[in-house]
Amino acid sequence: MIPAVATTITACPNGPLLVRGQVELLDADGVVIPQRRRTVALCRCGFSAIKPHCDGSHKAAGFRTEPGE
């Protein structure tokens, strides 16, 4: 049996939220979005074409965060 690892969420400067570990992600209708990787990048710029996941659009959009955000 694989031991459980704590789930962490890291806000990348000027980028997505990285969710590491087991998580249950639901869409607006409450349907589970399958977790296909151990680390999931979630969009926070609003420009991703594959929301809620990040597709790197924050770079072209010039998305910037404040320090500590």
PDB file of N, CA and C in Angstrom:
ATOM      1  N   MET A   1       0.848  -1.181   0.000  1.00  0.00           N
ATOM      2  CA  MET A   1       0.000   0.000   0.000  1.00  0.00           C
ATOM      3  C   MET A   1       0.892   1.243   0.000  1.00  0.00           C
ATOM      4  N   ILE A   2       0.547   2.216  -0.808  1.00  0.00           N
ATOM      5  CA  ILE A   2       1.295   3.470  -0.882  1.00  0.00           C
ATOM      6  C   ILE A   2       0.831   4.376   0.250  1.00  0.00           C
ATOM      7  N   PRO A   3       1.764   4.895   1.056  1.00  0.00           N
ATOM      8  CA  PRO A   3       1.350   5.772   2.153  1.00  0.00           C
ATOM      9  C   PRO A   3       0.751   7.069   1.637  1.00  0.00           C
ATOM     10  N   ALA A   4      -0.212   7.589   2.370  1.00  0.00           N
ATOM     11  CA  ALA A   4      -0.841   8.853   1.994  1.00  0.00           C
ATOM     12  C   ALA A   4       0.160   9.989   2.180  1.00  0.00           C
ATOM     13  N   VAL A   5       0.143  10.915   1.248  1.00  0.00           N
ATOM     14  CA  VAL A   5       1.013  12.081   1.302  1.00  0.00           C
ATOM     15  C   VAL A   5       0.121  13.300   1.477  1.00  0.00           C
ATOM     16  N   ALA A   6       0.563  14.233   2.284  1.00  0.00           N
ATOM     17  CA  ALA A   6      -0.224  15.446   2.499  1.00  0.00           C
ATOM     18  C   ALA A   6      -0.412  16.190   1.180  1.00  0.00           C
ATOM     19  N   THR A   7      -1.593  16.727   0.975  1.00  0.00           N
ATOM     20  CA  THR A   7      -1.869  17.534  -0.207  1.00  0.00           C
ATOM     21  C   THR A   7      -1.418  18.962   0.066  1.00  0.00           C
ATOM     22  N   THR A   8      -0.707  19.533  -0.909  1.00  0.00           N
ATOM     23  CA  THR A   8      -0.253  20.912  -0.779  1.00  0.00           C
ATOM     24  C   THR A   8      -0.706  21.714  -1.980  1.00  0.00           C
ATOM     25  N   ILE A   9      -0.905  23.006  -1.765  1.00  0.00           N
ATOM     26  CA  ILE A   9      -1.250  23.934  -2.844  1.00  0.00           C
ATOM     27  C   ILE A   9      -0.216  25.045  -2.811  1.00  0.00           C
ATOM     28  N   THR A  10       0.464  25.249  -3.943  1.00  0.00           N
ATOM     29  CA  THR A  10       1.503  26.264  -4.051  1.00  0.00           C
ATOM     30  C   THR A  10       1.112  27.273  -5.122  1.00  0.00           C
ATOM     31  N   ALA A  11       1.085  28.535  -4.753  1.00  0.00           N
ATOM     32  CA  ALA A  11       0.802  29.599  -5.719  1.00  0.00           C
ATOM     33  C   ALA A  11       2.101  29.961  -6.412  1.00  0.00           C
ATOM     34  N   CYS A  12       2.191  29.686  -7.705  1.00  0.00           N
ATOM     35  CA  CYS A  12       3.379  30.032  -8.477  1.00  0.00           C
ATOM     36  C   CYS A  12       3.349  31.518  -8.805  1.00  0.00           C
ATOM     37  N   PRO A  13       4.456  32.219  -8.612  1.00  0.00           N
ATOM     38  CA  PRO A  13       4.480  33.638  -8.965  1.00  0.00           C
ATOM     39  C   PRO A  13       4.110  33.815 -10.443  1.00  0.00           C
ATOM     40  N   ASN A  14       3.147  34.677 -10.711  1.00  0.00           N
ATOM     41  CA  ASN A  14       2.700  34.983 -12.075  1.00  0.00           C
ATOM     42  C   ASN A  14       2.205  33.751 -12.830  1.00  0.00           C
ATOM     43  N   GLY A  15       1.730  32.750 -12.100  1.00  0.00           N
ATOM     44  CA  GLY A  15       1.303  31.519 -12.755  1.00  0.00           C
ATOM     45  C   GLY A  15       0.187  30.818 -12.015  1.00  0.00           C
ATOM     46  N   PRO A  16       0.075  29.507 -12.246  1.00  0.00           N
ATOM     47  CA  PRO A  16      -1.035  28.733 -11.703  1.00  0.00           C
ATOM     48  C   PRO A  16      -0.873  28.361 -10.240  1.00  0.00           C
ATOM     49  N   LEU A  17      -1.897  27.704  -9.722  1.00  0.00           N
ATOM     50  CA  LEU A  17      -1.822  27.048  -8.423  1.00  0.00           C
ATOM     51  C   LEU A  17      -1.413  25.608  -8.695  1.00  0.00           C
ATOM     52  N   LEU A  18      -0.362  25.148  -8.050  1.00  0.00           N
ATOM     53  CA  LEU A  18       0.061  23.754  -8.192  1.00  0.00           C
ATOM     54  C   LEU A  18      -0.467  22.967  -7.014  1.00  0.00           C
ATOM     55  N   VAL A  19      -1.266  21.960  -7.305  1.00  0.00           N
ATOM     56  CA  VAL A  19      -1.849  21.103  -6.284  1.00  0.00           C
ATOM     57  C   VAL A  19      -1.115  19.771  -6.359  1.00  0.00           C
ATOM     58  N   ARG A  20      -0.428  19.441  -5.277  1.00  0.00           N
ATOM     59  CA  ARG A  20       0.330  18.191  -5.219  1.00  0.00           C
ATOM     60  C   ARG A  20      -0.337  17.265  -4.210  1.00  0.00           C
ATOM     61  N   GLY A  21      -0.518  16.002  -4.631  1.00  0.00           N
ATOM     62  CA  GLY A  21      -1.145  15.025  -3.759  1.00  0.00           C
ATOM     63  C   GLY A  21      -2.548  14.699  -4.224  1.00  0.00           C
ATOM     64  N   GLN A  22      -3.208  13.870  -3.455  1.00  0.00           N
ATOM     65  CA  GLN A  22      -4.558  13.421  -3.800  1.00  0.00           C
ATOM     66  C   GLN A  22      -5.569  14.530  -3.531  1.00  0.00           C
ATOM     67  N   VAL A  23      -6.400  14.797  -4.504  1.00  0.00           N
ATOM     68  CA  VAL A  23      -7.423  15.826  -4.365  1.00  0.00           C
ATOM     69  C   VAL A  23      -8.644  15.417  -5.185  1.00  0.00           C
ATOM     70  N   GLU A  24      -9.824  15.809  -4.718  1.00  0.00           N
ATOM     71  CA  GLU A  24     -11.035  15.579  -5.501  1.00  0.00           C
ATOM     72  C   GLU A  24     -11.467  16.926  -6.053  1.00  0.00           C
ATOM     73  N   LEU A  25     -11.368  17.078  -7.361  1.00  0.00           N
ATOM     74  CA  LEU A  25     -11.721  18.308  -8.052  1.00  0.00           C
ATOM     75  C   LEU A  25     -13.072  18.105  -8.728  1.00  0.00           C
ATOM     76  N   LEU A  26     -14.010  19.021  -8.462  1.00  0.00           N
ATOM     77  CA  LEU A  26     -15.364  18.910  -9.009  1.00  0.00           C
ATOM     78  C   LEU A  26     -15.634  20.040  -9.991  1.00  0.00           C
ATOM     79  N   ASP A  27     -16.434  19.752 -11.031  1.00  0.00           N
ATOM     80  CA  ASP A  27     -16.844  20.812 -11.945  1.00  0.00           C
ATOM     81  C   ASP A  27     -18.057  21.543 -11.362  1.00  0.00           C
ATOM     82  N   ALA A  28     -18.599  22.502 -12.099  1.00  0.00           N
ATOM     83  CA  ALA A  28     -19.708  23.323 -11.601  1.00  0.00           C
ATOM     84  C   ALA A  28     -20.958  22.501 -11.272  1.00  0.00           C
ATOM     85  N   ASP A  29     -21.081  21.327 -11.894  1.00  0.00           N
ATOM     86  CA  ASP A  29     -22.240  20.463 -11.650  1.00  0.00           C
ATOM     87  C   ASP A  29     -21.975  19.420 -10.568  1.00  0.00           C
ATOM     88  N   GLY A  30     -20.800  19.477  -9.959  1.00  0.00           N
ATOM     89  CA  GLY A  30     -20.467  18.522  -8.910  1.00  0.00           C
ATOM     90  C   GLY A  30     -19.916  17.206  -9.411  1.00  0.00           C
ATOM     91  N   VAL A  31     -19.609  17.135 -10.700  1.00  0.00           N
ATOM     92  CA  VAL A  31     -19.049  15.915 -11.289  1.00  0.00           C
ATOM     93  C   VAL A  31     -17.535  15.918 -11.068  1.00  0.00           C
ATOM     94  N   VAL A  32     -17.015  14.781 -10.640  1.00  0.00           N
ATOM     95  CA  VAL A  32     -15.579  14.670 -10.381  1.00  0.00           C
ATOM     96  C   VAL A  32     -14.786  14.783 -11.682  1.00  0.00           C
ATOM     97  N   ILE A  33     -13.761  15.639 -11.658  1.00  0.00           N
ATOM     98  CA  ILE A  33     -12.816  15.760 -12.769  1.00  0.00           C
ATOM     99  C   ILE A  33     -11.666  14.817 -12.437  1.00  0.00           C
ATOM    100  N   PRO A  34     -11.431  13.804 -13.275  1.00  0.00           N
ATOM    101  CA  PRO A  34     -10.395  12.816 -12.954  1.00  0.00           C
ATOM    102  C   PRO A  34      -9.017  13.468 -12.784  1.00  0.00           C
ATOM    103  N   GLN A  35      -8.289  13.005 -11.780  1.00  0.00           N
ATOM    104  CA  GLN A  35      -6.924  13.467 -11.554  1.00  0.00           C
ATOM    105  C   GLN A  35      -5.995  12.494 -12.259  1.00  0.00           C
ATOM    106  N   ARG A  36      -5.356  12.947 -13.317  1.00  0.00           N
ATOM    107  CA  ARG A  36      -4.522  12.067 -14.131  1.00  0.00           C
ATOM    108  C   ARG A  36      -3.044  12.155 -13.778  1.00  0.00           C
ATOM    109  N   ARG A  37      -2.693  13.127 -12.947  1.00  0.00           N
ATOM    110  CA  ARG A  37      -1.300  13.310 -12.554  1.00  0.00           C
ATOM    111  C   ARG A  37      -1.226  13.555 -11.057  1.00  0.00           C
ATOM    112  N   ARG A  38      -0.043  13.370 -10.491  1.00  0.00           N
ATOM    113  CA  ARG A  38       0.145  13.640  -9.065  1.00  0.00           C
ATOM    114  C   ARG A  38       0.113  15.125  -8.772  1.00  0.00           C
ATOM    115  N   THR A  39       0.550  15.927  -9.748  1.00  0.00           N
ATOM    116  CA  THR A  39       0.533  17.382  -9.606  1.00  0.00           C
ATOM    117  C   THR A  39      -0.417  17.953 -10.640  1.00  0.00           C
ATOM    118  N   VAL A  40      -1.334  18.802 -10.188  1.00  0.00           N
ATOM    119  CA  VAL A  40      -2.323  19.431 -11.059  1.00  0.00           C
ATOM    120  C   VAL A  40      -2.088  20.942 -11.027  1.00  0.00           C
ATOM    121  N   ALA A  41      -2.012  21.563 -12.205  1.00  0.00           N
ATOM    122  CA  ALA A  41      -1.855  23.016 -12.297  1.00  0.00           C
ATOM    123  C   ALA A  41      -3.219  23.625 -12.594  1.00  0.00           C
ATOM    124  N   LEU A  42      -3.694  24.463 -11.686  1.00  0.00           N
ATOM    125  CA  LEU A  42      -5.002  25.096 -11.833  1.00  0.00           C
ATOM    126  C   LEU A  42      -4.846  26.554 -12.252  1.00  0.00           C
ATOM    127  N   CYS A  43      -5.613  26.958 -13.246  1.00  0.00           N
ATOM    128  CA  CYS A  43      -5.567  28.319 -13.778  1.00  0.00           C
ATOM    129  C   CYS A  43      -6.049  29.319 -12.736  1.00  0.00           C
ATOM    130  N   ARG A  44      -5.351  30.450 -12.649  1.00  0.00           N
ATOM    131  CA  ARG A  44      -5.879  31.544 -11.842  1.00  0.00           C
ATOM    132  C   ARG A  44      -5.847  32.867 -12.582  1.00  0.00           C
ATOM    133  N   CYS A  45      -5.457  32.831 -13.882  1.00  0.00           N
ATOM    134  CA  CYS A  45      -5.466  34.062 -14.682  1.00  0.00           C
ATOM    135  C   CYS A  45      -6.798  34.248 -15.398  1.00  0.00           C
ATOM    136  N   GLY A  46      -7.517  33.142 -15.625  1.00  0.00           N
ATOM    137  CA  GLY A  46      -8.803  33.218 -16.307  1.00  0.00           C
ATOM    138  C   GLY A  46      -8.725  33.066 -17.815  1.00  0.00           C
ATOM    139  N   PHE A  47      -7.522  32.916 -18.388  1.00  0.00           N
ATOM    140  CA  PHE A  47      -7.370  32.857 -19.839  1.00  0.00           C
ATOM    141  C   PHE A  47      -7.212  31.445 -20.405  1.00  0.00           C
ATOM    142  N   SER A  48      -7.095  30.443 -19.555  1.00  0.00           N
ATOM    143  CA  SER A  48      -6.869  29.079 -20.023  1.00  0.00           C
ATOM    144  C   SER A  48      -8.047  28.574 -20.854  1.00  0.00           C
ATOM    145  N   ALA A  49      -7.720  27.867 -21.920  1.00  0.00           N
ATOM    146  CA  ALA A  49      -8.746  27.251 -22.762  1.00  0.00           C
ATOM    147  C   ALA A  49      -9.187  25.898 -22.207  1.00  0.00           C
ATOM    148  N   ILE A  50      -8.500  25.417 -21.175  1.00  0.00           N
ATOM    149  CA  ILE A  50      -8.822  24.106 -20.607  1.00  0.00           C
ATOM    150  C   ILE A  50      -9.130  24.219 -19.117  1.00  0.00           C
ATOM    151  N   LYS A  51      -9.789  25.310 -18.709  1.00  0.00           N
ATOM    152  CA  LYS A  51     -10.129  25.510 -17.299  1.00  0.00           C
ATOM    153  C   LYS A  51     -10.861  24.294 -16.751  1.00  0.00           C
ATOM    154  N   PRO A  52     -10.610  23.928 -15.544  1.00  0.00           N
ATOM    155  CA  PRO A  52      -9.900  24.653 -14.517  1.00  0.00           C
ATOM    156  C   PRO A  52      -8.384  24.482 -14.577  1.00  0.00           C
ATOM    157  N   HIS A  53      -7.887  23.690 -15.529  1.00  0.00           N
ATOM    158  CA  HIS A  53      -6.452  23.452 -15.632  1.00  0.00           C
ATOM    159  C   HIS A  53      -5.747  24.598 -16.351  1.00  0.00           C
ATOM    160  N   CYS A  54      -4.485  24.735 -16.058  1.00  0.00           N
ATOM    161  CA  CYS A  54      -3.646  25.758 -16.679  1.00  0.00           C
ATOM    162  C   CYS A  54      -3.138  25.252 -18.024  1.00  0.00           C
ATOM    163  N   ASP A  55      -3.143  26.119 -19.031  1.00  0.00           N
ATOM    164  CA  ASP A  55      -2.557  25.767 -20.328  1.00  0.00           C
ATOM    165  C   ASP A  55      -1.397  26.691 -20.699  1.00  0.00           C
ATOM    166  N   GLY A  56      -0.946  27.514 -19.754  1.00  0.00           N
ATOM    167  CA  GLY A  56       0.173  28.412 -20.003  1.00  0.00           C
ATOM    168  C   GLY A  56      -0.222  29.767 -20.565  1.00  0.00           C
ATOM    169  N   SER A  57      -1.517  30.014 -20.729  1.00  0.00           N
ATOM    170  CA  SER A  57      -1.995  31.276 -21.306  1.00  0.00           C
ATOM    171  C   SER A  57      -1.604  32.492 -20.475  1.00  0.00           C
ATOM    172  N   HIS A  58      -1.318  32.295 -19.191  1.00  0.00           N
ATOM    173  CA  HIS A  58      -0.952  33.418 -18.327  1.00  0.00           C
ATOM    174  C   HIS A  58       0.285  34.142 -18.843  1.00  0.00           C
ATOM    175  N   LYS A  59       1.173  33.426 -19.507  1.00  0.00           N
ATOM    176  CA  LYS A  59       2.401  34.041 -20.022  1.00  0.00           C
ATOM    177  C   LYS A  59       2.077  35.057 -21.108  1.00  0.00           C
ATOM    178  N   ALA A  60       1.309  34.642 -22.116  1.00  0.00           N
ATOM    179  CA  ALA A  60       0.957  35.535 -23.225  1.00  0.00           C
ATOM    180  C   ALA A  60       0.051  36.667 -22.765  1.00  0.00           C
ATOM    181  N   ALA A  61      -0.769  36.408 -21.739  1.00  0.00           N
ATOM    182  CA  ALA A  61      -1.705  37.413 -21.246  1.00  0.00           C
ATOM    183  C   ALA A  61      -1.026  38.442 -20.341  1.00  0.00           C
ATOM    184  N   GLY A  62       0.210  38.132 -19.922  1.00  0.00           N
ATOM    185  CA  GLY A  62       0.911  39.048 -19.031  1.00  0.00           C
ATOM    186  C   GLY A  62       0.389  39.030 -17.605  1.00  0.00           C
ATOM    187  N   PHE A  63      -0.184  37.905 -17.187  1.00  0.00           N
ATOM    188  CA  PHE A  63      -0.720  37.774 -15.838  1.00  0.00           C
ATOM    189  C   PHE A  63       0.374  37.982 -14.817  1.00  0.00           C
ATOM    190  N   ARG A  64       0.103  38.851 -13.842  1.00  0.00           N
ATOM    191  CA  ARG A  64       1.068  39.129 -12.779  1.00  0.00           C
ATOM    192  C   ARG A  64       0.385  39.054 -11.427  1.00  0.00           C
ATOM    193  N   THR A  65       1.112  38.539 -10.445  1.00  0.00           N
ATOM    194  CA  THR A  65       0.620  38.481  -9.082  1.00  0.00           C
ATOM    195  C   THR A  65       1.433  39.439  -8.227  1.00  0.00           C
ATOM    196  N   GLU A  66       0.874  39.796  -7.105  1.00  0.00           N
ATOM    197  CA  GLU A  66       1.585  40.629  -6.138  1.00  0.00           C
ATOM    198  C   GLU A  66       2.487  39.722  -5.298  1.00  0.00           C
ATOM    199  N   PRO A  67       3.598  40.228  -4.804  1.00  0.00           N
ATOM    200  CA  PRO A  67       4.436  39.408  -3.927  1.00  0.00           C
ATOM    201  C   PRO A  67       3.612  38.856  -2.755  1.00  0.00           C
ATOM    202  N   GLY A  68       3.805  37.579  -2.470  1.00  0.00           N
ATOM    203  CA  GLY A  68       3.074  36.931  -1.389  1.00  0.00           C
ATOM    204  C   GLY A  68       1.675  36.498  -1.758  1.00  0.00           C
ATOM    205  N   GLU A  69       1.294  36.672  -2.987  1.00  0.00           N
ATOM    206  CA  GLU A  69      -0.058  36.300  -3.441  1.00  0.00           C
ATOM    207  C   GLU A  69      -0.062  34.936  -4.069  1.00  0.00           C
TER     208      GLU A  69
END
